Amino acid sequence: MSPDTHELPPGVVARLASGGGGEQAVRHLVAAQEGKHRLLILGVVHWARDSGHPQAKAADQAYDLLAEIESAAPDAVRRVVRHPAVGAWARQTLRGLRRGSDADPARLGSLAAAAAVLAGVACWTEVPGGTVMLPTLGRLTGPPGDLVDLRVHQDGTLETAGSPVVLDALHRLSFGDAAFLLDDLDPFRWDRDKVTEGRLSQAERDQWQRCLTGAWRMLTEHHWTIAEECRAAITVLTPIKGPAKGMDSASSRDRFGTIALSVPPDARWLASTLAHEIQHAKLGALLDVVDLTLPDDRLYYAPWRPDPRPLAGLIQGAYAYLGVAGFWRRQRAHERDLRPHIEFAHWRDAAHTVTEVMLAGESLTEQGRPFVTAMRDTLAPWLDEPVPAAALAAARAEAAAHREAWKLRNPDFRE
């Protein structure tokens, strides 16, 4: 299994800068992230070997097994390597090996086992004892011990230390022509203090399924570029705890392909959240390939946050709300109430203002300045699009209220 690097073809960055990009551009980002995961995995193997880690031999053997499986079933290995939690595990394990702290490089055996199950290949590997996560598939519990044998049979059945074990499978939500894993198991799926405790109940899974089915119908009918991008990039939804009021969602550069969400209340909220988070996912993946900002110690007002943000956070927010504004711009043609108009007016103004702030400074790179300029050029014509007077007044009132609350919360901030 060789490491890989991926360069973005000419024109991809420009298409992304306009706010969209489409399936083709996103597939290039997915390939770049796969290359990143492969390099992290190789780093785990090398650091385990060079540091004399007691699990180094097991990690070496697992890496060779992955390479063997890949020669027969490359898609199976690709699916496992691209899995978001694999990237998080590899990064955390590599960090632990470098620092001399706790690390389990032999978990690489669970990647090989998962690929073998997907490929229908019989194999044997070693994994840390106790609970073992097979990425993309589920969790099994084997005997305790530093390392235990894990055998995969050609029919996908599993044995640890010679005894059959049953996989506690990840949930899968299917909708239309797509599907997401609903991950409430993997220890590397998200920050431990934010994930929900225990497995989701059937009633909770039914709520997710209803909302996702409705959201996907909305996206494919009216926002097909977002649907294409989500289908290409997103493979996992991770339930997280919600705030005391409202809902919460997040993306992470360490877990490309995952969107973390509290329980969605309805299909429209989930559709708008997917529109928001796919923007974060795209930009996060792009920033692994292209630098858009220079070092900048300043903090800035962000019209969507309660706290001052650095420039890197400002560009992330502006890009996300460019996508949100575009979603509501289209959605208002399909609903009668004022809320889509309010959301469109609010976020087009906010995102455009922030692009102007960034362009007025000196902290964008040679690639960053045309990128933000393209964002502004998408938003600028939207400022002239008519919005019902009541919706425009409500949007401006919401923006003003946020600014006043922000000033009270950050009294020492000076722009």
Foldseek 3Di string as FASTA:
>chain_A
DDADAADQDPPQLLLVLLLFRFQVSLLSLLVRLLNVLRVLLVLLQVLCVVLVPPCNVLLVVLVVLLVVLCVVPVVLLSVLSSAQLSLLLSVVQSVCSVVVHDHFSNLSNLQSLSSCLVSLHKDKGKGAAAWHANPPWAIKGHHHDRIWMWIAHSNGWIDINRHTIDGPTFDKADEDPAIATEDPHDPSQDPPVWADPDDDDPVLVVLVNQLQNLLLVVCVVFPVRLNSSLRNWAHYETETDADPDDWDWDDDLSRTRYIYIHRDPHNVVVNLVSLLHSQLSVVSSVCVHDAWWADDPDWDDQLVDLATHDPVVLVSNLSSLLSSLVVLVRCVVVDDDQVSLLSNLQSLVRSLVSLVVVLVDDTTDPSNNVSSVSNNVSSVVVNPDDGPPVSNVNSVVSSVVSVVSSCVSCVPDDD
